[in-house]
C-alpha cells in the first residue's frame, strides 16, 4: 500500500463540513489551514454559527 493514510474521516463527513456558504476563515490559525472546513471557520462553535446544531449533540456536548 503506497502513500495512503486513513485519517478517520469519511468522504461523506468531509463534504458535510466543508465549503459551506457561511465559511469565514479564522485568520489567526494561519493561511496554510484555510481549507474551507468548518473547524477552521471564524464562527465554529460560537453563537454566530448558523449551523451550530450540527456540531452539538442532544445533551449539549460538542
PDB file of N, CA and C in Angstrom:
ATOM      1  N   UNK A   1       0.859  -1.178   0.000  1.00  0.00           N
ATOM      2  CA  UNK A   1       0.000   0.000   0.000  1.00  0.00           C
ATOM      3  C   UNK A   1       0.896   1.229   0.000  1.00  0.00           C
ATOM      4  N   UNK A   2       0.761   2.044  -0.985  1.00  0.00           N
ATOM      5  CA  UNK A   2       1.686   3.157  -1.154  1.00  0.00           C
ATOM      6  C   UNK A   2       1.049   4.506  -0.850  1.00  0.00           C
ATOM      7  N   UNK A   3       1.514   5.158   0.195  1.00  0.00           N
ATOM      8  CA  UNK A   3       1.176   6.539   0.439  1.00  0.00           C
ATOM      9  C   UNK A   3      -0.222   6.854   0.946  1.00  0.00           C
ATOM     10  N   UNK A   4      -1.017   5.895   1.352  1.00  0.00           N
ATOM     11  CA  UNK A   4      -2.367   6.190   1.828  1.00  0.00           C
ATOM     12  C   UNK A   4      -2.420   6.073   3.339  1.00  0.00           C
ATOM     13  N   UNK A   5      -2.841   7.143   3.976  1.00  0.00           N
ATOM     14  CA  UNK A   5      -3.004   7.130   5.429  1.00  0.00           C
ATOM     15  C   UNK A   5      -4.450   7.481   5.722  1.00  0.00           C
ATOM     16  N   UNK A   6      -5.149   6.591   6.418  1.00  0.00           N
ATOM     17  CA  UNK A   6      -6.546   6.842   6.771  1.00  0.00           C
ATOM     18  C   UNK A   6      -6.579   7.775   7.970  1.00  0.00           C
ATOM     19  N   UNK A   7      -7.254   8.906   7.820  1.00  0.00           N
ATOM     20  CA  UNK A   7      -7.297   9.888   8.905  1.00  0.00           C
ATOM     21  C   UNK A   7      -8.566   9.774   9.748  1.00  0.00           C
ATOM     22  N   UNK A   8      -9.383   8.760   9.510  1.00  0.00           N
ATOM     23  CA  UNK A   8     -10.574   8.542  10.318  1.00  0.00           C
ATOM     24  C   UNK A   8     -11.812   9.236   9.797  1.00  0.00           C
ATOM     25  N   UNK A   9     -11.683  10.048   8.772  1.00  0.00           N
ATOM     26  CA  UNK A   9     -12.839  10.756   8.215  1.00  0.00           C
ATOM     27  C   UNK A   9     -13.329  10.046   6.968  1.00  0.00           C
ATOM     28  N   UNK A  10     -14.612  10.048   6.787  1.00  0.00           N
ATOM     29  CA  UNK A  10     -15.202   9.508   5.577  1.00  0.00           C
ATOM     30  C   UNK A  10     -15.484  10.652   4.617  1.00  0.00           C
ATOM     31  N   UNK A  11     -15.519  10.365   3.318  1.00  0.00           N
ATOM     32  CA  UNK A  11     -15.793  11.406   2.329  1.00  0.00           C
ATOM     33  C   UNK A  11     -17.093  12.128   2.632  1.00  0.00           C
ATOM     34  N   UNK A  12     -18.082  11.383   3.086  1.00  0.00           N
ATOM     35  CA  UNK A  12     -19.379  11.969   3.416  1.00  0.00           C
ATOM     36  C   UNK A  12     -19.242  13.026   4.515  1.00  0.00           C
ATOM     37  N   UNK A  13     -18.475  12.716   5.552  1.00  0.00           N
ATOM     38  CA  UNK A  13     -18.257  13.677   6.625  1.00  0.00           C
ATOM     39  C   UNK A  13     -17.495  14.891   6.115  1.00  0.00           C
ATOM     40  N   UNK A  14     -16.516  14.677   5.284  1.00  0.00           N
ATOM     41  CA  UNK A  14     -15.696  15.748   4.733  1.00  0.00           C
ATOM     42  C   UNK A  14     -16.572  16.731   3.955  1.00  0.00           C
ATOM     43  N   UNK A  15     -17.437  16.215   3.110  1.00  0.00           N
ATOM     44  CA  UNK A  15     -18.292  17.063   2.294  1.00  0.00           C
ATOM     45  C   UNK A  15     -19.294  17.841   3.140  1.00  0.00           C
ATOM     46  N   UNK A  16     -19.807  17.226   4.178  1.00  0.00           N
ATOM     47  CA  UNK A  16     -20.813  17.864   5.016  1.00  0.00           C
ATOM     48  C   UNK A  16     -20.265  19.088   5.748  1.00  0.00           C
ATOM     49  N   UNK A  17     -19.018  19.051   6.141  1.00  0.00           N
ATOM     50  CA  UNK A  17     -18.429  20.126   6.935  1.00  0.00           C
ATOM     51  C   UNK A  17     -17.376  20.918   6.173  1.00  0.00           C
ATOM     52  N   UNK A  18     -17.515  20.989   4.855  1.00  0.00           N
ATOM     53  CA  UNK A  18     -16.582  21.719   4.006  1.00  0.00           C
ATOM     54  C   UNK A  18     -17.353  22.581   3.008  1.00  0.00           C
ATOM     55  N   UNK A  19     -16.811  23.746   2.721  1.00  0.00           N
ATOM     56  CA  UNK A  19     -17.346  24.642   1.689  1.00  0.00           C
ATOM     57  C   UNK A  19     -18.772  25.118   1.940  1.00  0.00           C
ATOM     58  N   UNK A  20     -19.115  25.344   3.185  1.00  0.00           N
ATOM     59  CA  UNK A  20     -20.440  25.896   3.469  1.00  0.00           C
ATOM     60  C   UNK A  20     -20.463  27.369   3.081  1.00  0.00           C
ATOM     61  N   UNK A  21     -21.635  27.870   2.749  1.00  0.00           N
ATOM     62  CA  UNK A  21     -21.781  29.247   2.265  1.00  0.00           C
ATOM     63  C   UNK A  21     -21.411  30.279   3.314  1.00  0.00           C
ATOM     64  N   UNK A  22     -21.441  29.904   4.569  1.00  0.00           N
ATOM     65  CA  UNK A  22     -21.188  30.845   5.659  1.00  0.00           C
ATOM     66  C   UNK A  22     -19.728  30.850   6.126  1.00  0.00           C
ATOM     67  N   UNK A  23     -18.874  30.060   5.491  1.00  0.00           N
ATOM     68  CA  UNK A  23     -17.481  29.921   5.922  1.00  0.00           C
ATOM     69  C   UNK A  23     -16.721  31.245   5.854  1.00  0.00           C
ATOM     70  N   UNK A  24     -16.098  31.604   6.969  1.00  0.00           N
ATOM     71  CA  UNK A  24     -15.209  32.764   7.048  1.00  0.00           C
ATOM     72  C   UNK A  24     -13.947  32.276   7.752  1.00  0.00           C
ATOM     73  N   UNK A  25     -12.821  32.328   7.076  1.00  0.00           N
ATOM     74  CA  UNK A  25     -11.587  31.782   7.639  1.00  0.00           C
ATOM     75  C   UNK A  25     -11.170  32.513   8.901  1.00  0.00           C
ATOM     76  N   UNK A  26     -10.730  31.760   9.886  1.00  0.00           N
ATOM     77  CA  UNK A  26     -10.229  32.286  11.152  1.00  0.00           C
ATOM     78  C   UNK A  26      -8.743  32.597  10.974  1.00  0.00           C
ATOM     79  N   UNK A  27      -8.422  33.827  10.624  1.00  0.00           N
ATOM     80  CA  UNK A  27      -7.071  34.241  10.242  1.00  0.00           C
ATOM     81  C   UNK A  27      -5.968  33.907  11.249  1.00  0.00           C
ATOM     82  N   UNK A  28      -6.202  33.972  12.568  1.00  0.00           N
ATOM     83  CA  UNK A  28      -5.122  33.637  13.497  1.00  0.00           C
ATOM     84  C   UNK A  28      -4.602  32.190  13.368  1.00  0.00           C
ATOM     85  N   UNK A  29      -5.336  31.335  12.681  1.00  0.00           N
ATOM     86  CA  UNK A  29      -4.880  29.950  12.501  1.00  0.00           C
ATOM     87  C   UNK A  29      -3.743  29.835  11.502  1.00  0.00           C
ATOM     88  N   UNK A  30      -3.547  30.827  10.669  1.00  0.00           N
ATOM     89  CA  UNK A  30      -2.503  30.775   9.638  1.00  0.00           C
ATOM     90  C   UNK A  30      -3.087  30.284   8.327  1.00  0.00           C
ATOM     91  N   UNK A  31      -2.729  30.948   7.244  1.00  0.00           N
ATOM     92  CA  UNK A  31      -3.356  30.680   5.953  1.00  0.00           C
ATOM     93  C   UNK A  31      -3.115  29.283   5.409  1.00  0.00           C
ATOM     94  N   UNK A  32      -2.140  28.555   5.904  1.00  0.00           N
ATOM     95  CA  UNK A  32      -1.942  27.182   5.443  1.00  0.00           C
ATOM     96  C   UNK A  32      -3.071  26.272   5.921  1.00  0.00           C
ATOM     97  N   UNK A  33      -3.896  26.734   6.844  1.00  0.00           N
ATOM     98  CA  UNK A  33      -5.063  25.969   7.321  1.00  0.00           C
ATOM     99  C   UNK A  33      -6.355  26.356   6.618  1.00  0.00           C
ATOM    100  N   UNK A  34      -6.310  27.273   5.678  1.00  0.00           N
ATOM    101  CA  UNK A  34      -7.519  27.740   5.010  1.00  0.00           C
ATOM    102  C   UNK A  34      -7.970  26.731   3.960  1.00  0.00           C
ATOM    103  N   UNK A  35      -8.714  25.723   4.409  1.00  0.00           N
ATOM    104  CA  UNK A  35      -9.182  24.661   3.525  1.00  0.00           C
ATOM    105  C   UNK A  35     -10.711  24.603   3.440  1.00  0.00           C
ATOM    106  N   UNK A  36     -11.399  25.630   3.936  1.00  0.00           N
ATOM    107  CA  UNK A  36     -12.859  25.762   3.889  1.00  0.00           C
ATOM    108  C   UNK A  36     -13.578  24.732   4.767  1.00  0.00           C
ATOM    109  N   UNK A  37     -12.876  24.111   5.698  1.00  0.00           N
ATOM    110  CA  UNK A  37     -13.506  23.170   6.628  1.00  0.00           C
ATOM    111  C   UNK A  37     -14.054  23.950   7.817  1.00  0.00           C
ATOM    112  N   UNK A  38     -15.193  23.517   8.305  1.00  0.00           N
ATOM    113  CA  UNK A  38     -15.860  24.214   9.407  1.00  0.00           C
ATOM    114  C   UNK A  38     -14.957  24.425  10.615  1.00  0.00           C
ATOM    115  N   UNK A  39     -14.077  23.491  10.909  1.00  0.00           N
ATOM    116  CA  UNK A  39     -13.227  23.639  12.092  1.00  0.00           C
ATOM    117  C   UNK A  39     -12.263  24.813  11.980  1.00  0.00           C
ATOM    118  N   UNK A  40     -12.093  25.345  10.764  1.00  0.00           N
ATOM    119  CA  UNK A  40     -11.225  26.498  10.555  1.00  0.00           C
ATOM    120  C   UNK A  40     -12.018  27.783  10.342  1.00  0.00           C
ATOM    121  N   UNK A  41     -13.325  27.713  10.560  1.00  0.00           N
ATOM    122  CA  UNK A  41     -14.182  28.885  10.379  1.00  0.00           C
ATOM    123  C   UNK A  41     -14.111  29.793  11.604  1.00  0.00           C
ATOM    124  N   UNK A  42     -14.183  31.065  11.359  1.00  0.00           N
ATOM    125  CA  UNK A  42     -14.157  32.069  12.416  1.00  0.00           C
ATOM    126  C   UNK A  42     -15.311  31.875  13.407  1.00  0.00           C
ATOM    127  N   UNK A  43     -16.415  31.331  12.947  1.00  0.00           N
ATOM    128  CA  UNK A  43     -17.613  31.201  13.775  1.00  0.00           C
ATOM    129  C   UNK A  43     -17.836  29.796  14.329  1.00  0.00           C
ATOM    130  N   UNK A  44     -16.923  28.870  14.076  1.00  0.00           N
ATOM    131  CA  UNK A  44     -17.074  27.480  14.523  1.00  0.00           C
ATOM    132  C   UNK A  44     -17.279  27.406  16.039  1.00  0.00           C
ATOM    133  N   UNK A  45     -18.351  26.742  16.452  1.00  0.00           N
ATOM    134  CA  UNK A  45     -18.736  26.554  17.855  1.00  0.00           C
ATOM    135  C   UNK A  45     -18.959  27.867  18.607  1.00  0.00           C
ATOM    136  N   UNK A  46     -19.404  28.885  17.894  1.00  0.00           N
ATOM    137  CA  UNK A  46     -19.774  30.145  18.527  1.00  0.00           C
ATOM    138  C   UNK A  46     -21.265  30.367  18.300  1.00  0.00           C
ATOM    139  N   UNK A  47     -21.822  31.319  18.995  1.00  0.00           N
ATOM    140  CA  UNK A  47     -23.244  31.624  18.813  1.00  0.00           C
ATOM    141  C   UNK A  47     -23.536  32.242  17.452  1.00  0.00           C
ATOM    142  N   UNK A  48     -22.506  32.726  16.762  1.00  0.00           N
ATOM    143  CA  UNK A  48     -22.685  33.295  15.432  1.00  0.00           C
ATOM    144  C   UNK A  48     -22.786  32.220  14.347  1.00  0.00           C
ATOM    145  N   UNK A  49     -22.480  30.972  14.689  1.00  0.00           N
ATOM    146  CA  UNK A  49     -22.528  29.873  13.721  1.00  0.00           C
ATOM    147  C   UNK A  49     -23.982  29.513  13.406  1.00  0.00           C
ATOM    148  N   UNK A  50     -24.357  29.600  12.119  1.00  0.00           N
ATOM    149  CA  UNK A  50     -25.717  29.275  11.697  1.00  0.00           C
ATOM    150  C   UNK A  50     -26.009  27.786  11.814  1.00  0.00           C
ATOM    151  N   UNK A  51     -24.983  26.957  11.840  1.00  0.00           N
ATOM    152  CA  UNK A  51     -25.148  25.503  11.831  1.00  0.00           C
ATOM    153  C   UNK A  51     -24.681  24.865  13.140  1.00  0.00           C
ATOM    154  N   UNK A  52     -24.686  25.612  14.214  1.00  0.00           N
ATOM    155  CA  UNK A  52     -24.141  25.084  15.475  1.00  0.00           C
ATOM    156  C   UNK A  52     -24.859  23.805  15.912  1.00  0.00           C
ATOM    157  N   UNK A  53     -26.115  23.673  15.579  1.00  0.00           N
ATOM    158  CA  UNK A  53     -26.848  22.458  15.955  1.00  0.00           C
ATOM    159  C   UNK A  53     -26.265  21.213  15.290  1.00  0.00           C
ATOM    160  N   UNK A  54     -25.556  21.373  14.176  1.00  0.00           N
ATOM    161  CA  UNK A  54     -24.895  20.242  13.514  1.00  0.00           C
ATOM    162  C   UNK A  54     -23.696  19.736  14.316  1.00  0.00           C
ATOM    163  N   UNK A  55     -23.140  20.588  15.170  1.00  0.00           N
ATOM    164  CA  UNK A  55     -21.938  20.247  15.912  1.00  0.00           C
ATOM    165  C   UNK A  55     -22.199  19.870  17.361  1.00  0.00           C
ATOM    166  N   UNK A  56     -23.407  20.139  17.850  1.00  0.00           N
ATOM    167  CA  UNK A  56     -23.734  19.897  19.247  1.00  0.00           C
ATOM    168  C   UNK A  56     -24.757  18.759  19.307  1.00  0.00           C
ATOM    169  N   UNK A  57     -24.505  17.781  20.179  1.00  0.00           N
ATOM    170  CA  UNK A  57     -25.436  16.663  20.290  1.00  0.00           C
ATOM    171  C   UNK A  57     -26.610  17.026  21.209  1.00  0.00           C
ATOM    172  N   UNK A  58     -27.514  16.067  21.395  1.00  0.00           N
ATOM    173  CA  UNK A  58     -28.732  16.321  22.158  1.00  0.00           C
ATOM    174  C   UNK A  58     -28.467  16.729  23.608  1.00  0.00           C
ATOM    175  N   UNK A  59     -27.368  16.274  24.192  1.00  0.00           N
ATOM    176  CA  UNK A  59     -27.022  16.631  25.563  1.00  0.00           C
ATOM    177  C   UNK A  59     -26.340  17.984  25.667  1.00  0.00           C
ATOM    178  N   UNK A  60     -26.020  18.592  24.544  1.00  0.00           N
ATOM    179  CA  UNK A  60     -25.364  19.895  24.539  1.00  0.00           C
ATOM    180  C   UNK A  60     -23.857  19.808  24.473  1.00  0.00           C
ATOM    181  N   UNK A  61     -23.318  18.611  24.250  1.00  0.00           N
ATOM    182  CA  UNK A  61     -21.865  18.434  24.133  1.00  0.00           C
ATOM    183  C   UNK A  61     -21.431  18.621  22.693  1.00  0.00           C
ATOM    184  N   UNK A  62     -20.288  19.259  22.520  1.00  0.00           N
ATOM    185  CA  UNK A  62     -19.750  19.458  21.167  1.00  0.00           C
ATOM    186  C   UNK A  62     -19.028  18.229  20.692  1.00  0.00           C
TER     187      UNK A  62
END
